[in-house]
Each structure stands twice: as C-alpha cells, then as structure tokens.
Amino acid sequence: MSRRREHVPTRPTWRCRACGIAWPCSAAKLRLLGEYRHDRVALTVYLATLQAEAAEQLAELDHGVNPADLADRFVSWTRARG
C-alpha cells in the first residue's frame, strides 16, 4: 500500500514535501483553512511565525527572497473574504 505524502514544508528550502512547490501549496492552504476554520486569527499568527522562520532560513541559503513576497505567500491569503 502506498503512503500519501503530506503537504508540509521541508526546511530550510520551504518547498512542499509532497508536490515540491513553494509551501504553503494549494493543498496545504486548503488543509490549514479547514483546520483553522473557526479561528482565522490563530491561523494568521501561526503562519506569521512560520514566515519569520522561513525568512531567516531562506536568507541563510541566500535565496534573495523579498519579505513582501513571503507575506503574500504565508499570510495574505488567510484574510477572510467578504
């Protein structure tokens, strides 16, 4: 039986373990939205913490990541849509 790989980040590259794209990938976003559906603020705090960790690790790898791009990638999508 094959084991499904979870859509979680690999550190220090912050790529998705399952699909290889920049984390959080679409599958991870859907899972996180479901897990935090009743507490969007907690989701935002959690992802902001991971964003800070990613910024530090990606800087050490010299990936030249723009902090604004990381904000879009990690936090901006969590805002409730009205």
PDB file of N, CA and C in Angstrom:
ATOM      1  N   MET A   1       0.842  -1.175   0.000  1.00  0.00           N
ATOM      2  CA  MET A   1       0.000   0.000   0.000  1.00  0.00           C
ATOM      3  C   MET A   1       0.890   1.242   0.000  1.00  0.00           C
ATOM      4  N   SER A   2       0.629   2.155  -0.900  1.00  0.00           N
ATOM      5  CA  SER A   2       1.442   3.368  -0.968  1.00  0.00           C
ATOM      6  C   SER A   2       0.979   4.365   0.087  1.00  0.00           C
ATOM      7  N   ARG A   3       1.927   5.071   0.611  1.00  0.00           N
ATOM      8  CA  ARG A   3       1.629   6.050   1.644  1.00  0.00           C
ATOM      9  C   ARG A   3       1.583   7.437   1.020  1.00  0.00           C
ATOM     10  N   ARG A   4       0.507   8.152   1.290  1.00  0.00           N
ATOM     11  CA  ARG A   4       0.398   9.513   0.769  1.00  0.00           C
ATOM     12  C   ARG A   4       1.330  10.434   1.522  1.00  0.00           C
ATOM     13  N   ARG A   5       1.978  11.278   0.802  1.00  0.00           N
ATOM     14  CA  ARG A   5       2.870  12.244   1.431  1.00  0.00           C
ATOM     15  C   ARG A   5       2.063  13.474   1.829  1.00  0.00           C
ATOM     16  N   GLU A   6       2.342  13.977   3.000  1.00  0.00           N
ATOM     17  CA  GLU A   6       1.642  15.160   3.479  1.00  0.00           C
ATOM     18  C   GLU A   6       2.213  16.413   2.849  1.00  0.00           C
ATOM     19  N   HIS A   7       1.366  17.401   2.687  1.00  0.00           N
ATOM     20  CA  HIS A   7       1.771  18.694   2.124  1.00  0.00           C
ATOM     21  C   HIS A   7       2.279  19.575   3.266  1.00  0.00           C
ATOM     22  N   VAL A   8       3.498  19.287   3.681  1.00  0.00           N
ATOM     23  CA  VAL A   8       4.146  20.013   4.766  1.00  0.00           C
ATOM     24  C   VAL A   8       5.454  20.592   4.242  1.00  0.00           C
ATOM     25  N   PRO A   9       5.966  21.637   4.909  1.00  0.00           N
ATOM     26  CA  PRO A   9       7.204  22.253   4.408  1.00  0.00           C
ATOM     27  C   PRO A   9       8.439  21.419   4.737  1.00  0.00           C
ATOM     28  N   THR A  10       9.390  21.457   3.821  1.00  0.00           N
ATOM     29  CA  THR A  10      10.710  20.916   4.105  1.00  0.00           C
ATOM     30  C   THR A  10      11.599  22.120   4.408  1.00  0.00           C
ATOM     31  N   ARG A  11      12.311  22.000   5.486  1.00  0.00           N
ATOM     32  CA  ARG A  11      13.194  23.097   5.873  1.00  0.00           C
ATOM     33  C   ARG A  11      14.623  22.726   5.508  1.00  0.00           C
ATOM     34  N   PRO A  12      15.425  23.612   5.062  1.00  0.00           N
ATOM     35  CA  PRO A  12      15.298  25.059   5.054  1.00  0.00           C
ATOM     36  C   PRO A  12      14.813  25.641   3.729  1.00  0.00           C
ATOM     37  N   THR A  13      14.416  24.807   2.787  1.00  0.00           N
ATOM     38  CA  THR A  13      14.039  25.331   1.466  1.00  0.00           C
ATOM     39  C   THR A  13      12.595  25.814   1.390  1.00  0.00           C
ATOM     40  N   TRP A  14      11.759  25.390   2.318  1.00  0.00           N
ATOM     41  CA  TRP A  14      10.348  25.766   2.364  1.00  0.00           C
ATOM     42  C   TRP A  14       9.608  25.399   1.086  1.00  0.00           C
ATOM     43  N   ARG A  15       9.915  24.190   0.596  1.00  0.00           N
ATOM     44  CA  ARG A  15       9.181  23.592  -0.521  1.00  0.00           C
ATOM     45  C   ARG A  15       8.282  22.513   0.069  1.00  0.00           C
ATOM     46  N   CYS A  16       7.185  22.226  -0.604  1.00  0.00           N
ATOM     47  CA  CYS A  16       6.252  21.216  -0.120  1.00  0.00           C
ATOM     48  C   CYS A  16       6.867  19.828  -0.270  1.00  0.00           C
ATOM     49  N   ARG A  17       6.779  19.026   0.780  1.00  0.00           N
ATOM     50  CA  ARG A  17       7.334  17.678   0.754  1.00  0.00           C
ATOM     51  C   ARG A  17       6.618  16.803  -0.272  1.00  0.00           C
ATOM     52  N   ALA A  18       5.320  17.022  -0.476  1.00  0.00           N
ATOM     53  CA  ALA A  18       4.546  16.165  -1.374  1.00  0.00           C
ATOM     54  C   ALA A  18       4.650  16.584  -2.834  1.00  0.00           C
ATOM     55  N   CYS A  19       4.514  17.884  -3.109  1.00  0.00           N
ATOM     56  CA  CYS A  19       4.441  18.307  -4.513  1.00  0.00           C
ATOM     57  C   CYS A  19       5.640  19.135  -4.975  1.00  0.00           C
ATOM     58  N   GLY A  20       6.476  19.576  -4.054  1.00  0.00           N
ATOM     59  CA  GLY A  20       7.714  20.255  -4.421  1.00  0.00           C
ATOM     60  C   GLY A  20       7.608  21.735  -4.726  1.00  0.00           C
ATOM     61  N   ILE A  21       6.417  22.303  -4.661  1.00  0.00           N
ATOM     62  CA  ILE A  21       6.308  23.739  -4.940  1.00  0.00           C
ATOM     63  C   ILE A  21       6.454  24.534  -3.647  1.00  0.00           C
ATOM     64  N   ALA A  22       6.526  25.838  -3.774  1.00  0.00           N
ATOM     65  CA  ALA A  22       6.690  26.697  -2.606  1.00  0.00           C
ATOM     66  C   ALA A  22       5.557  26.447  -1.614  1.00  0.00           C
ATOM     67  N   TRP A  23       5.945  26.248  -0.353  1.00  0.00           N
ATOM     68  CA  TRP A  23       4.963  25.988   0.694  1.00  0.00           C
ATOM     69  C   TRP A  23       4.551  27.297   1.342  1.00  0.00           C
ATOM     70  N   PRO A  24       3.286  27.501   1.649  1.00  0.00           N
ATOM     71  CA  PRO A  24       2.184  26.554   1.581  1.00  0.00           C
ATOM     72  C   PRO A  24       1.614  26.450   0.168  1.00  0.00           C
ATOM     73  N   CYS A  25       1.550  25.240  -0.314  1.00  0.00           N
ATOM     74  CA  CYS A  25       0.968  24.951  -1.624  1.00  0.00           C
ATOM     75  C   CYS A  25      -0.560  24.994  -1.497  1.00  0.00           C
ATOM     76  N   SER A  26      -1.264  24.848  -2.589  1.00  0.00           N
ATOM     77  CA  SER A  26      -2.732  24.897  -2.559  1.00  0.00           C
ATOM     78  C   SER A  26      -3.326  23.845  -1.632  1.00  0.00           C
ATOM     79  N   ALA A  27      -2.780  22.643  -1.681  1.00  0.00           N
ATOM     80  CA  ALA A  27      -3.303  21.571  -0.823  1.00  0.00           C
ATOM     81  C   ALA A  27      -3.090  21.905   0.655  1.00  0.00           C
ATOM     82  N   ALA A  28      -1.931  22.468   0.981  1.00  0.00           N
ATOM     83  CA  ALA A  28      -1.659  22.850   2.368  1.00  0.00           C
ATOM     84  C   ALA A  28      -2.596  23.974   2.807  1.00  0.00           C
ATOM     85  N   LYS A  29      -2.825  24.932   1.922  1.00  0.00           N
ATOM     86  CA  LYS A  29      -3.737  26.040   2.256  1.00  0.00           C
ATOM     87  C   LYS A  29      -5.140  25.515   2.545  1.00  0.00           C
ATOM     88  N   LEU A  30      -5.620  24.614   1.726  1.00  0.00           N
ATOM     89  CA  LEU A  30      -6.960  24.053   1.954  1.00  0.00           C
ATOM     90  C   LEU A  30      -7.019  23.308   3.280  1.00  0.00           C
ATOM     91  N   ARG A  31      -5.987  22.521   3.574  1.00  0.00           N
ATOM     92  CA  ARG A  31      -5.953  21.788   4.838  1.00  0.00           C
ATOM     93  C   ARG A  31      -5.924  22.745   6.021  1.00  0.00           C
ATOM     94  N   LEU A  32      -5.086  23.782   5.936  1.00  0.00           N
ATOM     95  CA  LEU A  32      -4.987  24.751   7.022  1.00  0.00           C
ATOM     96  C   LEU A  32      -6.289  25.521   7.219  1.00  0.00           C
ATOM     97  N   LEU A  33      -6.934  25.911   6.112  1.00  0.00           N
ATOM     98  CA  LEU A  33      -8.216  26.614   6.233  1.00  0.00           C
ATOM     99  C   LEU A  33      -9.253  25.735   6.917  1.00  0.00           C
ATOM    100  N   GLY A  34      -9.232  24.448   6.618  1.00  0.00           N
ATOM    101  CA  GLY A  34     -10.156  23.529   7.269  1.00  0.00           C
ATOM    102  C   GLY A  34      -9.850  23.365   8.745  1.00  0.00           C
ATOM    103  N   GLU A  35      -8.576  23.209   9.069  1.00  0.00           N
ATOM    104  CA  GLU A  35      -8.173  23.030  10.461  1.00  0.00           C
ATOM    105  C   GLU A  35      -8.472  24.252  11.313  1.00  0.00           C
ATOM    106  N   TYR A  36      -8.321  25.419  10.731  1.00  0.00           N
ATOM    107  CA  TYR A  36      -8.495  26.672  11.475  1.00  0.00           C
ATOM    108  C   TYR A  36      -9.788  27.406  11.082  1.00  0.00           C
ATOM    109  N   ARG A  37     -10.766  26.691  10.579  1.00  0.00           N
ATOM    110  CA  ARG A  37     -11.971  27.349  10.066  1.00  0.00           C
ATOM    111  C   ARG A  37     -12.698  28.180  11.111  1.00  0.00           C
ATOM    112  N   HIS A  38     -12.541  27.851  12.383  1.00  0.00           N
ATOM    113  CA  HIS A  38     -13.216  28.594  13.439  1.00  0.00           C
ATOM    114  C   HIS A  38     -12.316  29.607  14.131  1.00  0.00           C
ATOM    115  N   ASP A  39     -11.067  29.708  13.675  1.00  0.00           N
ATOM    116  CA  ASP A  39     -10.137  30.641  14.315  1.00  0.00           C
ATOM    117  C   ASP A  39      -9.115  31.146  13.310  1.00  0.00           C
ATOM    118  N   ARG A  40      -9.570  32.038  12.451  1.00  0.00           N
ATOM    119  CA  ARG A  40      -8.711  32.575  11.392  1.00  0.00           C
ATOM    120  C   ARG A  40      -7.544  33.375  11.975  1.00  0.00           C
ATOM    121  N   VAL A  41      -7.764  34.020  13.135  1.00  0.00           N
ATOM    122  CA  VAL A  41      -6.691  34.786  13.761  1.00  0.00           C
ATOM    123  C   VAL A  41      -5.550  33.854  14.170  1.00  0.00           C
ATOM    124  N   ALA A  42      -5.872  32.709  14.758  1.00  0.00           N
ATOM    125  CA  ALA A  42      -4.840  31.747  15.148  1.00  0.00           C
ATOM    126  C   ALA A  42      -4.076  31.253  13.925  1.00  0.00           C
ATOM    127  N   LEU A  43      -4.768  31.044  12.820  1.00  0.00           N
ATOM    128  CA  LEU A  43      -4.106  30.621  11.582  1.00  0.00           C
ATOM    129  C   LEU A  43      -3.114  31.687  11.129  1.00  0.00           C
ATOM    130  N   THR A  44      -3.530  32.932  11.169  1.00  0.00           N
ATOM    131  CA  THR A  44      -2.662  34.036  10.749  1.00  0.00           C
ATOM    132  C   THR A  44      -1.433  34.136  11.640  1.00  0.00           C
ATOM    133  N   VAL A  45      -1.611  34.002  12.946  1.00  0.00           N
ATOM    134  CA  VAL A  45      -0.480  34.051  13.878  1.00  0.00           C
ATOM    135  C   VAL A  45       0.471  32.881  13.609  1.00  0.00           C
ATOM    136  N   TYR A  46      -0.073  31.698  13.442  1.00  0.00           N
ATOM    137  CA  TYR A  46       0.732  30.507  13.160  1.00  0.00           C
ATOM    138  C   TYR A  46       1.567  30.708  11.891  1.00  0.00           C
ATOM    139  N   LEU A  47       0.924  31.178  10.833  1.00  0.00           N
ATOM    140  CA  LEU A  47       1.639  31.344   9.565  1.00  0.00           C
ATOM    141  C   LEU A  47       2.637  32.500   9.610  1.00  0.00           C
ATOM    142  N   ALA A  48       2.340  33.538  10.367  1.00  0.00           N
ATOM    143  CA  ALA A  48       3.294  34.643  10.517  1.00  0.00           C
ATOM    144  C   ALA A  48       4.551  34.157  11.232  1.00  0.00           C
ATOM    145  N   THR A  49       4.382  33.266  12.191  1.00  0.00           N
ATOM    146  CA  THR A  49       5.522  32.676  12.892  1.00  0.00           C
ATOM    147  C   THR A  49       6.366  31.842  11.923  1.00  0.00           C
ATOM    148  N   LEU A  50       5.691  31.045  11.097  1.00  0.00           N
ATOM    149  CA  LEU A  50       6.419  30.250  10.108  1.00  0.00           C
ATOM    150  C   LEU A  50       7.079  31.137   9.060  1.00  0.00           C
ATOM    151  N   GLN A  51       6.432  32.243   8.717  1.00  0.00           N
ATOM    152  CA  GLN A  51       7.010  33.175   7.746  1.00  0.00           C
ATOM    153  C   GLN A  51       8.342  33.725   8.268  1.00  0.00           C
ATOM    154  N   ALA A  52       8.384  34.085   9.541  1.00  0.00           N
ATOM    155  CA  ALA A  52       9.622  34.600  10.132  1.00  0.00           C
ATOM    156  C   ALA A  52      10.715  33.537  10.093  1.00  0.00           C
ATOM    157  N   GLU A  53      10.353  32.301  10.409  1.00  0.00           N
ATOM    158  CA  GLU A  53      11.314  31.200  10.359  1.00  0.00           C
ATOM    159  C   GLU A  53      11.819  30.988   8.928  1.00  0.00           C
ATOM    160  N   ALA A  54      10.893  31.011   7.979  1.00  0.00           N
ATOM    161  CA  ALA A  54      11.267  30.817   6.571  1.00  0.00           C
ATOM    162  C   ALA A  54      12.177  31.940   6.085  1.00  0.00           C
ATOM    163  N   ALA A  55      11.876  33.168   6.462  1.00  0.00           N
ATOM    164  CA  ALA A  55      12.692  34.311   6.028  1.00  0.00           C
ATOM    165  C   ALA A  55      14.131  34.141   6.497  1.00  0.00           C
ATOM    166  N   GLU A  56      14.296  33.711   7.741  1.00  0.00           N
ATOM    167  CA  GLU A  56      15.631  33.512   8.292  1.00  0.00           C
ATOM    168  C   GLU A  56      16.365  32.381   7.576  1.00  0.00           C
ATOM    169  N   GLN A  57      15.686  31.267   7.383  1.00  0.00           N
ATOM    170  CA  GLN A  57      16.330  30.116   6.749  1.00  0.00           C
ATOM    171  C   GLN A  57      16.633  30.370   5.277  1.00  0.00           C
ATOM    172  N   LEU A  58      15.719  31.014   4.576  1.00  0.00           N
ATOM    173  CA  LEU A  58      15.950  31.304   3.161  1.00  0.00           C
ATOM    174  C   LEU A  58      17.062  32.334   2.986  1.00  0.00           C
ATOM    175  N   ALA A  59      17.181  33.273   3.923  1.00  0.00           N
ATOM    176  CA  ALA A  59      18.274  34.250   3.865  1.00  0.00           C
ATOM    177  C   ALA A  59      19.620  33.543   4.035  1.00  0.00           C
ATOM    178  N   GLU A  60      19.656  32.555   4.938  1.00  0.00           N
ATOM    179  CA  GLU A  60      20.896  31.792   5.136  1.00  0.00           C
ATOM    180  C   GLU A  60      21.283  31.013   3.885  1.00  0.00           C
ATOM    181  N   LEU A  61      20.277  30.593   3.129  1.00  0.00           N
ATOM    182  CA  LEU A  61      20.551  29.884   1.875  1.00  0.00           C
ATOM    183  C   LEU A  61      20.873  30.842   0.740  1.00  0.00           C
ATOM    184  N   ASP A  62      20.740  32.145   1.017  1.00  0.00           N
ATOM    185  CA  ASP A  62      20.979  33.204   0.034  1.00  0.00           C
ATOM    186  C   ASP A  62      20.042  33.083  -1.163  1.00  0.00           C
ATOM    187  N   HIS A  63      18.768  32.838  -0.877  1.00  0.00           N
ATOM    188  CA  HIS A  63      17.772  32.749  -1.943  1.00  0.00           C
ATOM    189  C   HIS A  63      17.254  34.108  -2.376  1.00  0.00           C
ATOM    190  N   GLY A  64      17.642  35.184  -1.702  1.00  0.00           N
ATOM    191  CA  GLY A  64      17.240  36.527  -2.087  1.00  0.00           C
ATOM    192  C   GLY A  64      15.734  36.716  -2.103  1.00  0.00           C
ATOM    193  N   VAL A  65      15.041  36.201  -1.093  1.00  0.00           N
ATOM    194  CA  VAL A  65      13.584  36.279  -1.040  1.00  0.00           C
ATOM    195  C   VAL A  65      13.156  37.631  -0.510  1.00  0.00           C
ATOM    196  N   ASN A  66      12.242  38.265  -1.224  1.00  0.00           N
ATOM    197  CA  ASN A  66      11.684  39.546  -0.830  1.00  0.00           C
ATOM    198  C   ASN A  66      10.688  39.326   0.310  1.00  0.00           C
ATOM    199  N   PRO A  67      10.835  40.043   1.442  1.00  0.00           N
ATOM    200  CA  PRO A  67       9.896  39.877   2.560  1.00  0.00           C
ATOM    201  C   PRO A  67       8.433  40.092   2.168  1.00  0.00           C
ATOM    202  N   ALA A  68       8.160  41.008   1.246  1.00  0.00           N
ATOM    203  CA  ALA A  68       6.782  41.233   0.809  1.00  0.00           C
ATOM    204  C   ALA A  68       6.229  39.999   0.096  1.00  0.00           C
ATOM    205  N   ASP A  69       7.081  39.326  -0.659  1.00  0.00           N
ATOM    206  CA  ASP A  69       6.651  38.099  -1.330  1.00  0.00           C
ATOM    207  C   ASP A  69       6.327  37.016  -0.309  1.00  0.00           C
ATOM    208  N   LEU A  70       7.115  36.948   0.761  1.00  0.00           N
ATOM    209  CA  LEU A  70       6.837  35.964   1.800  1.00  0.00           C
ATOM    210  C   LEU A  70       5.527  36.277   2.514  1.00  0.00           C
ATOM    211  N   ALA A  71       5.236  37.557   2.710  1.00  0.00           N
ATOM    212  CA  ALA A  71       3.965  37.928   3.350  1.00  0.00           C
ATOM    213  C   ALA A  71       2.797  37.470   2.492  1.00  0.00           C
ATOM    214  N   ASP A  72       2.892  37.662   1.189  1.00  0.00           N
ATOM    215  CA  ASP A  72       1.835  37.190   0.283  1.00  0.00           C
ATOM    216  C   ASP A  72       1.722  35.675   0.335  1.00  0.00           C
ATOM    217  N   ARG A  73       2.841  35.029   0.336  1.00  0.00           N
ATOM    218  CA  ARG A  73       2.895  33.567   0.306  1.00  0.00           C
ATOM    219  C   ARG A  73       2.379  32.937   1.599  1.00  0.00           C
ATOM    220  N   PHE A  74       2.718  33.522   2.751  1.00  0.00           N
ATOM    221  CA  PHE A  74       2.388  32.895   4.022  1.00  0.00           C
ATOM    222  C   PHE A  74       1.114  33.434   4.668  1.00  0.00           C
ATOM    223  N   VAL A  75       0.844  34.723   4.565  1.00  0.00           N
ATOM    224  CA  VAL A  75      -0.196  35.307   5.400  1.00  0.00           C
ATOM    225  C   VAL A  75      -1.350  35.943   4.630  1.00  0.00           C
ATOM    226  N   SER A  76      -1.078  36.650   3.570  1.00  0.00           N
ATOM    227  CA  SER A  76      -2.122  37.456   2.902  1.00  0.00           C
ATOM    228  C   SER A  76      -3.349  36.637   2.498  1.00  0.00           C
ATOM    229  N   TRP A  77      -3.152  35.427   2.083  1.00  0.00           N
ATOM    230  CA  TRP A  77      -4.273  34.593   1.618  1.00  0.00           C
ATOM    231  C   TRP A  77      -5.202  34.163   2.748  1.00  0.00           C
ATOM    232  N   THR A  78      -4.791  34.342   3.998  1.00  0.00           N
ATOM    233  CA  THR A  78      -5.619  33.894   5.122  1.00  0.00           C
ATOM    234  C   THR A  78      -6.739  34.861   5.451  1.00  0.00           C
ATOM    235  N   ARG A  79      -6.691  36.062   4.909  1.00  0.00           N
ATOM    236  CA  ARG A  79      -7.720  37.052   5.228  1.00  0.00           C
ATOM    237  C   ARG A  79      -9.090  36.575   4.771  1.00  0.00           C
ATOM    238  N   ALA A  80     -10.034  36.773   5.643  1.00  0.00           N
ATOM    239  CA  ALA A  80     -11.410  36.387   5.310  1.00  0.00           C
ATOM    240  C   ALA A  80     -11.906  37.231   4.155  1.00  0.00           C
ATOM    241  N   ARG A  81     -12.618  36.599   3.274  1.00  0.00           N
ATOM    242  CA  ARG A  81     -13.174  37.309   2.115  1.00  0.00           C
ATOM    243  C   ARG A  81     -14.613  37.667   2.412  1.00  0.00           C
ATOM    244  N   GLY A  82     -14.934  38.893   2.133  1.00  0.00           N
ATOM    245  CA  GLY A  82     -16.269  39.338   2.499  1.00  0.00           C
ATOM    246  C   GLY A  82     -17.140  39.440   1.354  1.00  0.00           C
TER     247      GLY A  82
END
